[in-house]
Amino acid sequence: MLRGAIFDMDGVLVDNLKIHMRAFGATARRYGVDFDEEHVMSFNGMGNAEIFAAVFPPEIVARVGVDALAREKEALYREMFAPMLAPAKGLIPLLNDLKANGVKLAVGTSAIQANLDFVLDGLGIRAYFDVLVNSEMVRRAKPAPDIYLRALQELDLPADECFVFEDAIAGIEAAHAAGIKVVALSTSTEAETLERLNGVTFVEPNFQDLTYNALNTLL
């Protein structure tokens, strides 16, 4: 029986990946760094430390610091996304349906706390979630399973009674490593690619056709 659902945030609760790419590009240009969107997207779902280390020259990372670069980029992202902040299609009805059926809800994201607060409070959906886990609360970001293992621990539920909603390959790998089945959303990765990944039970473009009863039959 489905008793827990863990939601990634970027590309899942909100369709924001294009804005993240715009913010990365603008930050890169400030430091004279060539920006390759396809290269950055290959790290989708990972933490800022991994992304900036891979995208920015090591001398800039050493001089400015990953934390400062991340704060600069994420502040720009929030500024850009604020006017268009909206829940993913079908999200609110699904959250209501899951809560009505006694399912515990969590967010498990590689994002920083400021971005998590921005989305939850901006959308007014914080009250739906019993547990919130972000990259600042664990030692390793996705694709390591730490975020999802922490969410399971705080939900006090076994992995086989939960689903994870993910869009990124790194996040799907993290959920699979934690032993949790995944409903994958094709917001950042093609459905055909997602369907081939270990741990993926179902692929949907958004939440519009998902219900508690449908999910419960898939578990």
Protein backbone atom coordinates (compact mmCIF):
# COMPACT_ATOMS: atom_id res chain seq x y z
CA MET A 1 0.00 0.00 0.00
CA LEU A 2 1.18 3.50 -0.85
CA ARG A 3 1.93 5.32 2.39
CA GLY A 4 4.58 7.85 1.35
CA ALA A 5 5.43 10.05 -1.64
CA ILE A 6 8.68 11.98 -2.02
CA PHE A 7 8.88 14.80 -4.54
CA ASP A 8 12.00 16.22 -6.11
CA MET A 9 11.57 19.97 -6.59
CA ASP A 10 13.24 21.42 -9.71
CA GLY A 11 11.49 20.11 -12.80
CA VAL A 12 8.90 18.32 -10.62
CA LEU A 13 7.06 20.68 -8.27
CA VAL A 14 7.81 23.51 -10.70
CA ASP A 15 8.80 23.63 -14.35
CA ASN A 16 11.85 25.82 -13.84
CA LEU A 17 14.81 24.23 -15.60
CA LYS A 18 14.94 26.78 -18.42
CA ILE A 19 15.21 29.55 -15.82
CA HIS A 20 17.99 27.70 -14.00
CA MET A 21 19.87 27.49 -17.30
CA ARG A 22 19.37 31.22 -17.92
CA ALA A 23 20.72 31.99 -14.43
CA PHE A 24 23.72 29.68 -14.93
CA GLY A 25 24.45 31.32 -18.27
CA ALA A 26 24.23 34.83 -16.86
CA THR A 27 26.50 33.91 -13.93
CA ALA A 28 29.02 32.30 -16.25
CA ARG A 29 29.16 35.40 -18.45
CA ARG A 30 29.83 37.60 -15.40
CA TYR A 31 33.04 35.63 -14.87
CA GLY A 32 33.95 35.31 -18.54
CA VAL A 33 33.20 31.59 -18.62
CA ASP A 34 31.90 29.94 -21.79
CA PHE A 35 28.46 28.48 -21.10
CA ASP A 36 27.49 25.18 -22.72
CA GLU A 37 23.86 24.45 -21.79
CA GLU A 38 24.02 20.84 -22.96
CA HIS A 39 27.07 20.24 -20.77
CA VAL A 40 25.41 21.82 -17.73
CA MET A 41 22.22 19.81 -18.31
CA SER A 42 24.26 16.61 -18.07
CA PHE A 43 24.62 17.42 -14.34
CA ASN A 44 20.90 18.06 -13.87
CA GLY A 45 19.73 16.95 -10.43
CA MET A 46 23.13 17.21 -8.78
CA GLY A 47 24.24 19.78 -6.20
CA ASN A 48 25.89 23.13 -6.85
CA ALA A 49 29.28 21.90 -5.67
CA GLU A 50 29.38 19.23 -8.36
CA ILE A 51 27.99 21.48 -11.09
CA PHE A 52 30.23 24.49 -10.52
CA ALA A 53 33.30 22.28 -10.18
CA ALA A 54 32.51 20.77 -13.57
CA VAL A 55 31.46 23.96 -15.38
CA PHE A 56 33.70 26.73 -14.02
CA PRO A 57 37.50 26.84 -14.28
CA PRO A 58 39.16 25.65 -11.06
CA GLU A 59 40.94 28.98 -10.54
CA ILE A 60 37.60 30.84 -10.43
CA VAL A 61 36.07 28.23 -8.12
CA ALA A 62 39.11 28.53 -5.82
CA ARG A 63 39.12 32.35 -5.88
CA VAL A 64 35.39 33.01 -5.47
CA GLY A 65 34.29 29.81 -3.73
CA VAL A 66 31.48 27.41 -4.62
CA ASP A 67 29.18 28.80 -1.93
CA ALA A 68 29.52 32.37 -3.19
CA LEU A 69 29.03 31.34 -6.81
CA ALA A 70 25.98 29.29 -5.87
CA ARG A 71 24.43 32.12 -3.84
CA GLU A 72 24.95 34.51 -6.76
CA LYS A 73 23.44 32.14 -9.31
CA GLU A 74 20.51 31.06 -7.13
CA ALA A 75 19.60 34.64 -6.19
CA LEU A 76 19.52 35.47 -9.90
CA TYR A 77 17.37 32.39 -10.57
CA ARG A 78 14.83 33.40 -7.91
CA GLU A 79 14.68 36.94 -9.29
CA MET A 80 14.07 35.63 -12.82
CA PHE A 81 11.53 32.96 -11.85
CA ALA A 82 9.47 34.91 -9.31
CA PRO A 83 7.12 36.53 -11.87
CA MET A 84 6.27 33.16 -13.44
CA LEU A 85 6.29 30.90 -10.36
CA ALA A 86 3.49 28.33 -10.73
CA PRO A 87 2.88 24.72 -9.68
CA ALA A 88 3.47 21.93 -12.17
CA LYS A 89 0.40 20.80 -14.09
CA GLY A 90 -1.82 18.62 -11.93
CA LEU A 91 0.35 19.00 -8.82
CA ILE A 92 -2.21 20.53 -6.45
CA PRO A 93 -5.00 18.03 -7.23
CA LEU A 94 -2.55 15.16 -6.72
CA LEU A 95 -1.30 16.56 -3.41
CA ASN A 96 -4.90 16.90 -2.22
CA ASP A 97 -5.73 13.36 -3.34
CA LEU A 98 -2.69 11.85 -1.64
CA LYS A 99 -3.33 13.71 1.62
CA ALA A 100 -6.99 12.68 1.57
CA ASN A 101 -5.85 9.06 1.42
CA GLY A 102 -3.45 9.40 4.35
CA VAL A 103 -0.21 9.43 2.35
CA LYS A 104 2.72 11.17 4.02
CA LEU A 105 4.47 13.65 1.74
CA ALA A 106 8.08 14.81 1.55
CA VAL A 107 10.32 16.93 -0.62
CA GLY A 108 13.79 15.57 -1.38
CA THR A 109 15.82 18.06 -3.38
CA SER A 110 19.43 18.86 -4.26
CA ALA A 111 18.47 22.53 -4.10
CA ILE A 112 19.55 24.87 -1.32
CA GLN A 113 17.21 25.86 1.52
CA ALA A 114 16.59 29.34 0.11
CA ASN A 115 15.27 27.89 -3.16
CA LEU A 116 13.12 25.35 -1.33
CA ASP A 117 11.59 28.12 0.79
CA PHE A 118 11.08 30.25 -2.33
CA VAL A 119 9.04 27.53 -4.06
CA LEU A 120 7.06 26.21 -1.10
CA ASP A 121 6.10 29.61 0.27
CA GLY A 122 5.68 31.22 -3.14
CA LEU A 123 3.18 28.52 -4.12
CA GLY A 124 1.65 28.26 -0.65
CA ILE A 125 2.17 24.49 -0.53
CA ARG A 126 4.44 24.07 2.50
CA ALA A 127 1.60 22.71 4.65
CA TYR A 128 1.16 19.67 2.40
CA PHE A 129 4.57 18.27 3.30
CA ASP A 130 5.43 16.34 6.43
CA VAL A 131 9.17 16.22 5.72
CA LEU A 132 11.59 18.52 3.86
CA VAL A 133 15.10 17.42 2.92
CA ASN A 134 17.56 19.51 0.90
CA SER A 135 21.21 19.22 -0.07
CA GLU A 136 22.37 21.23 2.95
CA MET A 137 21.07 18.51 5.29
CA VAL A 138 23.12 15.59 3.94
CA ARG A 139 26.75 14.83 3.18
CA ARG A 140 26.26 13.82 -0.45
CA ALA A 141 23.86 15.18 -3.05
CA LYS A 142 22.26 13.11 -5.79
CA PRO A 143 23.07 10.68 -7.43
CA ALA A 144 24.06 9.42 -3.96
CA PRO A 145 20.98 8.13 -2.11
CA ASP A 146 21.50 10.27 1.01
CA ILE A 147 18.63 12.72 0.38
CA TYR A 148 16.09 9.97 -0.18
CA LEU A 149 17.36 7.81 2.66
CA ARG A 150 17.02 10.82 4.98
CA ALA A 151 13.47 11.41 3.72
CA LEU A 152 12.53 7.78 4.39
CA GLN A 153 14.01 8.00 7.87
CA GLU A 154 12.05 11.15 8.72
CA LEU A 155 8.85 9.80 7.20
CA ASP A 156 9.41 6.64 9.25
CA LEU A 157 8.35 4.49 6.29
CA PRO A 158 9.94 1.58 4.42
CA ALA A 159 11.07 2.15 0.84
CA ASP A 160 8.60 -0.37 -0.60
CA GLU A 161 5.64 1.70 0.62
CA CYS A 162 6.77 4.89 -1.12
CA PHE A 163 7.17 6.45 -4.54
CA VAL A 164 9.65 9.12 -5.62
CA PHE A 165 8.67 11.66 -8.28
CA GLU A 166 11.77 12.61 -10.27
CA ASP A 167 12.76 14.12 -13.61
CA ALA A 168 16.56 13.94 -13.53
CA ILE A 169 18.74 10.91 -14.21
CA ALA A 170 20.87 11.68 -11.16
CA GLY A 171 17.75 11.81 -8.99
CA ILE A 172 16.39 8.55 -10.40
CA GLU A 173 19.73 6.88 -9.68
CA ALA A 174 19.56 8.23 -6.12
CA ALA A 175 16.04 6.92 -5.56
CA HIS A 176 16.91 3.52 -7.06
CA ALA A 177 19.97 3.29 -4.80
CA ALA A 178 17.68 4.03 -1.84
CA GLY A 179 15.40 1.19 -2.92
CA ILE A 180 12.42 3.40 -3.83
CA LYS A 181 10.36 3.03 -7.00
CA VAL A 182 10.21 6.08 -9.26
CA VAL A 183 7.48 7.81 -11.20
CA ALA A 184 9.51 9.77 -13.73
CA LEU A 185 8.40 13.07 -15.25
CA SER A 186 9.69 13.84 -18.74
CA THR A 187 10.27 17.53 -18.09
CA SER A 188 14.06 17.46 -18.54
CA THR A 189 14.77 14.03 -20.08
CA GLU A 190 13.06 12.29 -22.97
CA ALA A 191 10.49 9.68 -21.97
CA GLU A 192 12.26 6.98 -24.02
CA THR A 193 15.44 7.52 -22.01
CA LEU A 194 13.60 7.50 -18.68
CA GLU A 195 11.79 4.26 -19.49
CA ARG A 196 15.12 2.44 -19.79
CA LEU A 197 16.42 3.48 -16.38
CA ASN A 198 16.53 1.09 -13.45
CA GLY A 199 13.88 1.83 -10.85
CA VAL A 200 11.48 3.69 -13.12
CA THR A 201 7.97 2.25 -12.79
CA PHE A 202 6.04 4.77 -14.84
CA VAL A 203 6.73 7.83 -17.02
CA GLU A 204 4.37 10.80 -17.35
CA PRO A 205 4.74 14.31 -18.83
CA ASN A 206 3.15 15.86 -15.72
CA PHE A 207 0.83 15.04 -12.79
CA GLN A 208 -2.49 15.53 -14.57
CA ASP A 209 -3.34 11.83 -14.99
CA LEU A 210 -1.93 10.65 -11.65
CA THR A 211 -4.16 9.72 -8.71
CA TYR A 212 -3.75 7.88 -5.45
CA ASN A 213 -5.63 4.87 -6.79
CA ALA A 214 -3.55 4.69 -9.97
CA LEU A 215 -0.30 4.97 -8.04
CA ASN A 216 -1.37 2.43 -5.45
CA THR A 217 -1.90 -0.18 -8.17
CA LEU A 218 1.63 0.42 -9.48
CA LEU A 219 3.41 -0.06 -6.14
